[in-house]
PDB file of N, CA and C in Angstrom:
ATOM      1  N   UNK A   1     -14.932  -0.094  47.534  1.00  0.00           N
ATOM      2  CA  UNK A   1     -15.149  -1.609  47.595  1.00  0.00           C
ATOM      3  C   UNK A   1     -14.162  -1.880  46.856  1.00  0.00           C
ATOM      4  N   UNK A   2     -13.683  -2.985  48.078  1.00  0.00           N
ATOM      5  CA  UNK A   2     -13.162  -4.161  47.070  1.00  0.00           C
ATOM      6  C   UNK A   2     -13.466  -4.897  46.734  1.00  0.00           C
ATOM      7  N   UNK A   3     -12.304  -5.145  45.774  1.00  0.00           N
ATOM      8  CA  UNK A   3     -12.773  -5.828  44.455  1.00  0.00           C
ATOM      9  C   UNK A   3     -11.329  -7.064  44.492  1.00  0.00           C
ATOM     10  N   UNK A   4     -12.218  -8.586  43.882  1.00  0.00           N
ATOM     11  CA  UNK A   4     -10.421  -9.118  44.644  1.00  0.00           C
ATOM     12  C   UNK A   4      -9.885  -9.522  43.047  1.00  0.00           C
ATOM     13  N   UNK A   5     -10.501  -9.245  42.256  1.00  0.00           N
ATOM     14  CA  UNK A   5      -9.613  -9.207  40.788  1.00  0.00           C
ATOM     15  C   UNK A   5      -9.642  -7.420  40.332  1.00  0.00           C
ATOM     16  N   UNK A   6      -8.375  -7.085  40.049  1.00  0.00           N
ATOM     17  CA  UNK A   6      -8.592  -5.874  39.348  1.00  0.00           C
ATOM     18  C   UNK A   6      -8.461  -5.710  38.596  1.00  0.00           C
ATOM     19  N   UNK A   7      -9.453  -4.146  37.771  1.00  0.00           N
ATOM     20  CA  UNK A   7     -10.000  -4.002  36.817  1.00  0.00           C
ATOM     21  C   UNK A   7      -8.899  -4.813  35.563  1.00  0.00           C
ATOM     22  N   UNK A   8      -7.344  -4.318  36.231  1.00  0.00           N
ATOM     23  CA  UNK A   8      -6.806  -4.170  34.981  1.00  0.00           C
ATOM     24  C   UNK A   8      -5.892  -5.843  35.002  1.00  0.00           C
ATOM     25  N   UNK A   9      -6.780  -6.556  35.851  1.00  0.00           N
ATOM     26  CA  UNK A   9      -5.831  -8.417  35.852  1.00  0.00           C
ATOM     27  C   UNK A   9      -7.357  -8.919  33.959  1.00  0.00           C
ATOM     28  N   UNK A  10      -8.402  -8.221  35.213  1.00  0.00           N
ATOM     29  CA  UNK A  10      -9.982  -8.538  33.489  1.00  0.00           C
ATOM     30  C   UNK A  10      -9.786  -8.382  32.291  1.00  0.00           C
ATOM     31  N   UNK A  11      -9.567  -7.111  32.496  1.00  0.00           N
ATOM     32  CA  UNK A  11      -9.270  -6.100  31.360  1.00  0.00           C
ATOM     33  C   UNK A  11      -7.515  -7.214  30.912  1.00  0.00           C
ATOM     34  N   UNK A  12      -7.110  -7.870  30.671  1.00  0.00           N
ATOM     35  CA  UNK A  12      -5.891  -8.746  29.850  1.00  0.00           C
ATOM     36  C   UNK A  12      -6.691  -9.770  30.153  1.00  0.00           C
ATOM     37  N   UNK A  13      -7.681 -10.346  31.248  1.00  0.00           N
ATOM     38  CA  UNK A  13      -7.600 -11.702  30.391  1.00  0.00           C
ATOM     39  C   UNK A  13      -8.748 -11.596  29.715  1.00  0.00           C
ATOM     40  N   UNK A  14      -9.541 -10.055  29.524  1.00  0.00           N
ATOM     41  CA  UNK A  14     -10.778 -10.396  28.478  1.00  0.00           C
ATOM     42  C   UNK A  14      -9.864 -10.120  27.388  1.00  0.00           C
ATOM     43  N   UNK A  15      -8.518  -9.465  26.874  1.00  0.00           N
ATOM     44  CA  UNK A  15      -7.736  -9.505  25.684  1.00  0.00           C
ATOM     45  C   UNK A  15      -7.202 -11.207  25.303  1.00  0.00           C
ATOM     46  N   UNK A  16      -6.752 -11.765  26.400  1.00  0.00           N
ATOM     47  CA  UNK A  16      -5.765 -12.711  26.361  1.00  0.00           C
ATOM     48  C   UNK A  16      -6.885 -14.275  25.586  1.00  0.00           C
ATOM     49  N   UNK A  17      -8.226 -13.501  26.303  1.00  0.00           N
ATOM     50  CA  UNK A  17      -8.695 -15.528  26.181  1.00  0.00           C
ATOM     51  C   UNK A  17      -8.748 -15.397  23.759  1.00  0.00           C
ATOM     52  N   UNK A  18      -9.269 -14.088  23.794  1.00  0.00           N
ATOM     53  CA  UNK A  18      -9.204 -14.798  22.238  1.00  0.00           C
ATOM     54  C   UNK A  18      -7.943 -14.475  21.600  1.00  0.00           C
ATOM     55  N   UNK A  19      -6.932 -14.328  22.059  1.00  0.00           N
ATOM     56  CA  UNK A  19      -5.786 -14.838  21.828  1.00  0.00           C
ATOM     57  C   UNK A  19      -5.565 -16.478  21.745  1.00  0.00           C
ATOM     58  N   UNK A  20      -5.695 -16.677  22.839  1.00  0.00           N
ATOM     59  CA  UNK A  20      -5.889 -18.643  23.278  1.00  0.00           C
ATOM     60  C   UNK A  20      -6.925 -19.552  22.443  1.00  0.00           C
ATOM     61  N   UNK A  21      -7.746 -18.627  22.386  1.00  0.00           N
ATOM     62  CA  UNK A  21      -9.413 -19.564  21.450  1.00  0.00           C
ATOM     63  C   UNK A  21      -8.344 -19.622  19.927  1.00  0.00           C
ATOM     64  N   UNK A  22      -8.066 -18.657  19.032  1.00  0.00           N
ATOM     65  CA  UNK A  22      -6.856 -18.920  17.975  1.00  0.00           C
ATOM     66  C   UNK A  22      -5.701 -19.474  18.429  1.00  0.00           C
ATOM     67  N   UNK A  23      -5.446 -19.478  19.167  1.00  0.00           N
ATOM     68  CA  UNK A  23      -4.477 -20.464  19.750  1.00  0.00           C
ATOM     69  C   UNK A  23      -4.731 -22.086  19.186  1.00  0.00           C
ATOM     70  N   UNK A  24      -5.658 -22.419  19.748  1.00  0.00           N
ATOM     71  CA  UNK A  24      -6.366 -24.035  19.845  1.00  0.00           C
ATOM     72  C   UNK A  24      -7.262 -24.152  18.864  1.00  0.00           C
ATOM     73  N   UNK A  25      -7.569 -23.391  18.109  1.00  0.00           N
ATOM     74  CA  UNK A  25      -7.568 -23.208  17.138  1.00  0.00           C
ATOM     75  C   UNK A  25      -6.952 -24.284  15.632  1.00  0.00           C
ATOM     76  N   UNK A  26      -5.791 -22.785  15.385  1.00  0.00           N
ATOM     77  CA  UNK A  26      -4.675 -23.347  15.001  1.00  0.00           C
ATOM     78  C   UNK A  26      -4.296 -24.248  14.964  1.00  0.00           C
ATOM     79  N   UNK A  27      -4.439 -24.738  16.481  1.00  0.00           N
ATOM     80  CA  UNK A  27      -3.358 -26.179  16.672  1.00  0.00           C
ATOM     81  C   UNK A  27      -3.969 -27.252  15.940  1.00  0.00           C
ATOM     82  N   UNK A  28      -5.594 -27.385  15.516  1.00  0.00           N
ATOM     83  CA  UNK A  28      -6.231 -28.189  14.977  1.00  0.00           C
ATOM     84  C   UNK A  28      -5.781 -28.301  13.799  1.00  0.00           C
ATOM     85  N   UNK A  29      -5.073 -27.466  12.914  1.00  0.00           N
ATOM     86  CA  UNK A  29      -4.597 -27.813  11.343  1.00  0.00           C
ATOM     87  C   UNK A  29      -4.185 -29.075  11.637  1.00  0.00           C
ATOM     88  N   UNK A  30      -3.131 -29.225  12.847  1.00  0.00           N
ATOM     89  CA  UNK A  30      -2.663 -30.455  12.521  1.00  0.00           C
ATOM     90  C   UNK A  30      -2.545 -32.090  13.306  1.00  0.00           C
ATOM     91  N   UNK A  31      -4.179 -31.511  13.782  1.00  0.00           N
ATOM     92  CA  UNK A  31      -4.641 -32.456  14.210  1.00  0.00           C
ATOM     93  C   UNK A  31      -5.317 -33.157  13.564  1.00  0.00           C
ATOM     94  N   UNK A  32      -4.954 -34.627  12.506  1.00  0.00           N
ATOM     95  CA  UNK A  32      -6.136 -35.676  11.560  1.00  0.00           C
ATOM     96  C   UNK A  32      -7.492 -35.511  12.009  1.00  0.00           C
ATOM     97  N   UNK A  33      -7.952 -35.347  11.198  1.00  0.00           N
ATOM     98  CA  UNK A  33      -9.428 -35.659  11.945  1.00  0.00           C
ATOM     99  C   UNK A  33     -10.319 -34.236  12.057  1.00  0.00           C
ATOM    100  N   UNK A  34      -9.428 -33.047  12.440  1.00  0.00           N
ATOM    101  CA  UNK A  34     -10.480 -31.895  12.748  1.00  0.00           C
ATOM    102  C   UNK A  34      -9.245 -30.778  11.754  1.00  0.00           C
ATOM    103  N   UNK A  35     -10.258 -29.886  12.197  1.00  0.00           N
ATOM    104  CA  UNK A  35     -10.291 -28.714  11.401  1.00  0.00           C
ATOM    105  C   UNK A  35     -10.065 -26.965  11.909  1.00  0.00           C
ATOM    106  N   UNK A  36      -9.802 -26.600  12.082  1.00  0.00           N
ATOM    107  CA  UNK A  36      -9.831 -25.155  12.299  1.00  0.00           C
ATOM    108  C   UNK A  36     -11.283 -24.159  11.644  1.00  0.00           C
ATOM    109  N   UNK A  37     -11.787 -23.515  12.984  1.00  0.00           N
ATOM    110  CA  UNK A  37     -12.833 -22.145  11.777  1.00  0.00           C
ATOM    111  C   UNK A  37     -12.671 -21.353  12.497  1.00  0.00           C
ATOM    112  N   UNK A  38     -13.063 -20.465  12.195  1.00  0.00           N
ATOM    113  CA  UNK A  38     -12.831 -18.765  12.307  1.00  0.00           C
ATOM    114  C   UNK A  38     -14.167 -19.118  14.174  1.00  0.00           C
ATOM    115  N   UNK A  39     -15.722 -19.561  13.770  1.00  0.00           N
ATOM    116  CA  UNK A  39     -16.704 -19.476  14.351  1.00  0.00           C
ATOM    117  C   UNK A  39     -16.191 -20.803  15.363  1.00  0.00           C
ATOM    118  N   UNK A  40     -15.921 -21.005  15.839  1.00  0.00           N
ATOM    119  CA  UNK A  40     -14.465 -22.415  16.786  1.00  0.00           C
ATOM    120  C   UNK A  40     -14.611 -21.128  17.871  1.00  0.00           C
ATOM    121  N   UNK A  41     -13.865 -20.496  17.658  1.00  0.00           N
ATOM    122  CA  UNK A  41     -12.822 -19.734  18.033  1.00  0.00           C
ATOM    123  C   UNK A  41     -13.301 -18.324  18.642  1.00  0.00           C
ATOM    124  N   UNK A  42     -14.485 -17.809  17.815  1.00  0.00           N
ATOM    125  CA  UNK A  42     -15.349 -16.573  18.348  1.00  0.00           C
ATOM    126  C   UNK A  42     -16.230 -17.112  18.975  1.00  0.00           C
ATOM    127  N   UNK A  43     -16.928 -18.655  19.205  1.00  0.00           N
ATOM    128  CA  UNK A  43     -17.472 -18.851  19.953  1.00  0.00           C
ATOM    129  C   UNK A  43     -17.118 -19.657  21.620  1.00  0.00           C
ATOM    130  N   UNK A  44     -16.112 -19.962  21.721  1.00  0.00           N
ATOM    131  CA  UNK A  44     -15.390 -19.923  22.219  1.00  0.00           C
ATOM    132  C   UNK A  44     -14.661 -18.146  23.094  1.00  0.00           C
ATOM    133  N   UNK A  45     -14.713 -17.816  22.450  1.00  0.00           N
ATOM    134  CA  UNK A  45     -13.963 -15.985  22.788  1.00  0.00           C
ATOM    135  C   UNK A  45     -15.520 -15.819  23.772  1.00  0.00           C
ATOM    136  N   UNK A  46     -16.760 -15.409  22.969  1.00  0.00           N
ATOM    137  CA  UNK A  46     -18.020 -15.452  23.361  1.00  0.00           C
ATOM    138  C   UNK A  46     -18.642 -15.522  24.887  1.00  0.00           C
ATOM    139  N   UNK A  47     -18.651 -17.487  24.826  1.00  0.00           N
ATOM    140  CA  UNK A  47     -18.544 -18.150  25.805  1.00  0.00           C
ATOM    141  C   UNK A  47     -17.685 -17.878  26.989  1.00  0.00           C
ATOM    142  N   UNK A  48     -16.449 -17.151  27.213  1.00  0.00           N
ATOM    143  CA  UNK A  48     -15.351 -17.138  28.034  1.00  0.00           C
ATOM    144  C   UNK A  48     -16.064 -15.804  28.145  1.00  0.00           C
ATOM    145  N   UNK A  49     -15.920 -14.202  27.362  1.00  0.00           N
ATOM    146  CA  UNK A  49     -16.792 -13.147  28.286  1.00  0.00           C
ATOM    147  C   UNK A  49     -18.090 -13.944  28.883  1.00  0.00           C
ATOM    148  N   UNK A  50     -18.740 -14.265  28.527  1.00  0.00           N
ATOM    149  CA  UNK A  50     -20.234 -14.564  29.089  1.00  0.00           C
ATOM    150  C   UNK A  50     -19.862 -15.356  30.290  1.00  0.00           C
ATOM    151  N   UNK A  51     -18.563 -15.977  31.096  1.00  0.00           N
ATOM    152  CA  UNK A  51     -18.656 -17.004  32.239  1.00  0.00           C
ATOM    153  C   UNK A  51     -18.257 -16.184  32.814  1.00  0.00           C
ATOM    154  N   UNK A  52     -17.092 -15.008  32.136  1.00  0.00           N
ATOM    155  CA  UNK A  52     -16.576 -13.759  33.078  1.00  0.00           C
ATOM    156  C   UNK A  52     -17.258 -13.190  33.764  1.00  0.00           C
ATOM    157  N   UNK A  53     -18.064 -12.179  32.395  1.00  0.00           N
ATOM    158  CA  UNK A  53     -19.843 -12.097  33.089  1.00  0.00           C
ATOM    159  C   UNK A  53     -20.345 -11.892  34.037  1.00  0.00           C
ATOM    160  N   UNK A  54     -20.851 -13.872  34.227  1.00  0.00           N
ATOM    161  CA  UNK A  54     -21.162 -14.534  35.064  1.00  0.00           C
ATOM    162  C   UNK A  54     -20.904 -14.234  36.928  1.00  0.00           C
ATOM    163  N   UNK A  55     -18.991 -15.075  36.834  1.00  0.00           N
ATOM    164  CA  UNK A  55     -18.709 -14.345  38.002  1.00  0.00           C
ATOM    165  C   UNK A  55     -18.408 -13.179  38.651  1.00  0.00           C
ATOM    166  N   UNK A  56     -18.074 -12.203  37.531  1.00  0.00           N
ATOM    167  CA  UNK A  56     -17.934 -10.858  37.882  1.00  0.00           C
ATOM    168  C   UNK A  56     -19.674 -10.088  38.530  1.00  0.00           C
ATOM    169  N   UNK A  57     -21.165 -10.283  38.210  1.00  0.00           N
ATOM    170  CA  UNK A  57     -21.597 -10.328  38.602  1.00  0.00           C
ATOM    171  C   UNK A  57     -21.996 -10.952  40.046  1.00  0.00           C
ATOM    172  N   UNK A  58     -22.168 -12.558  40.064  1.00  0.00           N
ATOM    173  CA  UNK A  58     -21.938 -13.103  41.484  1.00  0.00           C
ATOM    174  C   UNK A  58     -21.146 -12.225  42.027  1.00  0.00           C
ATOM    175  N   UNK A  59     -19.743 -12.013  42.202  1.00  0.00           N
ATOM    176  CA  UNK A  59     -19.587 -11.744  42.570  1.00  0.00           C
ATOM    177  C   UNK A  59     -20.063 -10.402  43.558  1.00  0.00           C
ATOM    178  N   UNK A  60     -20.806  -9.115  43.078  1.00  0.00           N
ATOM    179  CA  UNK A  60     -21.203  -8.239  42.955  1.00  0.00           C
ATOM    180  C   UNK A  60     -22.732  -8.380  43.549  1.00  0.00           C
ATOM    181  N   UNK A  61     -23.164  -9.047  43.607  1.00  0.00           N
ATOM    182  CA  UNK A  61     -24.161  -9.619  44.298  1.00  0.00           C
ATOM    183  C   UNK A  61     -23.546  -9.806  45.691  1.00  0.00           C
ATOM    184  N   UNK A  62     -23.131 -10.990  45.249  1.00  0.00           N
ATOM    185  CA  UNK A  62     -22.351 -11.331  46.578  1.00  0.00           C
ATOM    186  C   UNK A  62     -21.969 -10.369  47.884  1.00  0.00           C
ATOM    187  N   UNK A  63     -21.246  -9.783  47.750  1.00  0.00           N
ATOM    188  CA  UNK A  63     -20.846  -8.554  47.808  1.00  0.00           C
ATOM    189  C   UNK A  63     -21.892  -7.178  48.720  1.00  0.00           C
ATOM    190  N   UNK A  64     -23.009  -7.433  47.748  1.00  0.00           N
ATOM    191  CA  UNK A  64     -24.178  -6.569  47.984  1.00  0.00           C
ATOM    192  C   UNK A  64     -25.064  -7.303  49.309  1.00  0.00           C
ATOM    193  N   UNK A  65     -25.200  -7.894  49.139  1.00  0.00           N
ATOM    194  CA  UNK A  65     -25.879  -9.383  50.189  1.00  0.00           C
ATOM    195  C   UNK A  65     -25.019  -8.864  51.514  1.00  0.00           C
ATOM    196  N   UNK A  66     -23.524  -9.565  51.530  1.00  0.00           N
ATOM    197  CA  UNK A  66     -22.435  -8.798  52.754  1.00  0.00           C
ATOM    198  C   UNK A  66     -22.758  -8.140  53.821  1.00  0.00           C
ATOM    199  N   UNK A  67     -22.542  -6.624  52.450  1.00  0.00           N
ATOM    200  CA  UNK A  67     -22.759  -5.438  52.991  1.00  0.00           C
ATOM    201  C   UNK A  67     -23.977  -5.114  53.865  1.00  0.00           C
ATOM    202  N   UNK A  68     -24.729  -5.379  52.675  1.00  0.00           N
ATOM    203  CA  UNK A  68     -26.260  -5.045  53.734  1.00  0.00           C
ATOM    204  C   UNK A  68     -26.701  -5.720  55.012  1.00  0.00           C
ATOM    205  N   UNK A  69     -25.935  -7.022  54.711  1.00  0.00           N
ATOM    206  CA  UNK A  69     -25.761  -7.955  56.244  1.00  0.00           C
ATOM    207  C   UNK A  69     -25.328  -6.569  57.647  1.00  0.00           C
ATOM    208  N   UNK A  70     -24.403  -6.529  57.101  1.00  0.00           N
ATOM    209  CA  UNK A  70     -23.021  -6.100  57.214  1.00  0.00           C
ATOM    210  C   UNK A  70     -23.836  -4.783  58.189  1.00  0.00           C
ATOM    211  N   UNK A  71     -24.660  -3.658  57.040  1.00  0.00           N
ATOM    212  CA  UNK A  71     -25.004  -2.680  58.153  1.00  0.00           C
ATOM    213  C   UNK A  71     -26.629  -2.965  58.834  1.00  0.00           C
ATOM    214  N   UNK A  72     -26.881  -4.326  58.795  1.00  0.00           N
ATOM    215  CA  UNK A  72     -27.664  -4.173  59.737  1.00  0.00           C
ATOM    216  C   UNK A  72     -27.531  -4.493  60.819  1.00  0.00           C
ATOM    217  N   UNK A  73     -26.603  -5.280  60.630  1.00  0.00           N
ATOM    218  CA  UNK A  73     -26.237  -5.889  62.117  1.00  0.00           C
ATOM    219  C   UNK A  73     -25.591  -4.350  63.208  1.00  0.00           C
ATOM    220  N   UNK A  74     -24.892  -3.465  62.590  1.00  0.00           N
ATOM    221  CA  UNK A  74     -24.341  -2.574  62.759  1.00  0.00           C
ATOM    222  C   UNK A  74     -25.928  -1.422  63.490  1.00  0.00           C
ATOM    223  N   UNK A  75     -26.728  -1.478  62.808  1.00  0.00           N
ATOM    224  CA  UNK A  75     -27.954  -0.882  63.162  1.00  0.00           C
ATOM    225  C   UNK A  75     -28.262  -2.068  63.931  1.00  0.00           C
ATOM    226  N   UNK A  76     -28.572  -2.891  63.798  1.00  0.00           N
ATOM    227  CA  UNK A  76     -29.406  -3.646  65.535  1.00  0.00           C
ATOM    228  C   UNK A  76     -28.468  -3.412  66.640  1.00  0.00           C
ATOM    229  N   UNK A  77     -27.201  -3.333  66.479  1.00  0.00           N
ATOM    230  CA  UNK A  77     -26.184  -3.342  68.215  1.00  0.00           C
ATOM    231  C   UNK A  77     -26.392  -1.649  68.878  1.00  0.00           C
ATOM    232  N   UNK A  78     -27.144  -0.075  67.580  1.00  0.00           N
ATOM    233  CA  UNK A  78     -26.698   0.993  67.886  1.00  0.00           C
ATOM    234  C   UNK A  78     -28.184   1.158  68.836  1.00  0.00           C
ATOM    235  N   UNK A  79     -27.745   1.602  70.149  1.00  0.00           N
ATOM    236  CA  UNK A  79     -28.633   1.320  70.792  1.00  0.00           C
ATOM    237  C   UNK A  79     -30.360   3.304  70.277  1.00  0.00           C
ATOM    238  N   UNK A  80     -30.905   2.871  69.920  1.00  0.00           N
ATOM    239  CA  UNK A  80     -32.257   3.996  70.285  1.00  0.00           C
ATOM    240  C   UNK A  80     -32.096   4.773  71.191  1.00  0.00           C
ATOM    241  N   UNK A  81     -32.302   6.042  70.906  1.00  0.00           N
ATOM    242  CA  UNK A  81     -33.633   7.182  72.590  1.00  0.00           C
ATOM    243  C   UNK A  81     -34.712   6.958  72.569  1.00  0.00           C
ATOM    244  N   UNK A  82     -35.301   6.574  72.345  1.00  0.00           N
ATOM    245  CA  UNK A  82     -36.068   5.545  72.741  1.00  0.00           C
ATOM    246  C   UNK A  82     -36.477   4.209  73.465  1.00  0.00           C
ATOM    247  N   UNK A  83     -35.583   3.548  73.382  1.00  0.00           N
ATOM    248  CA  UNK A  83     -34.874   2.195  73.753  1.00  0.00           C
ATOM    249  C   UNK A  83     -35.088   1.561  75.252  1.00  0.00           C
ATOM    250  N   UNK A  84     -34.027   3.289  75.949  1.00  0.00           N
ATOM    251  CA  UNK A  84     -33.940   3.494  77.601  1.00  0.00           C
ATOM    252  C   UNK A  84     -34.668   3.692  78.186  1.00  0.00           C
TER     253      UNK A  84
END
């Protein structure tokens, strides 16, 4: 089964997202009226991980639907011995 996203690419993204969230929170220190919070970085990280999990699950479900449709189409075109 082919995956459009390599496992390594997904792993890199899952690792870099917390770094990105922490970086954005650190930048908020320099903006007047804003404050940085570890909980905000954590929430951003968890939200992005949930989004990635949703996309991967949707991709898996779509793959199953396509595989099922393809296999039923192939089975429908085969001539059965009793059909002659």
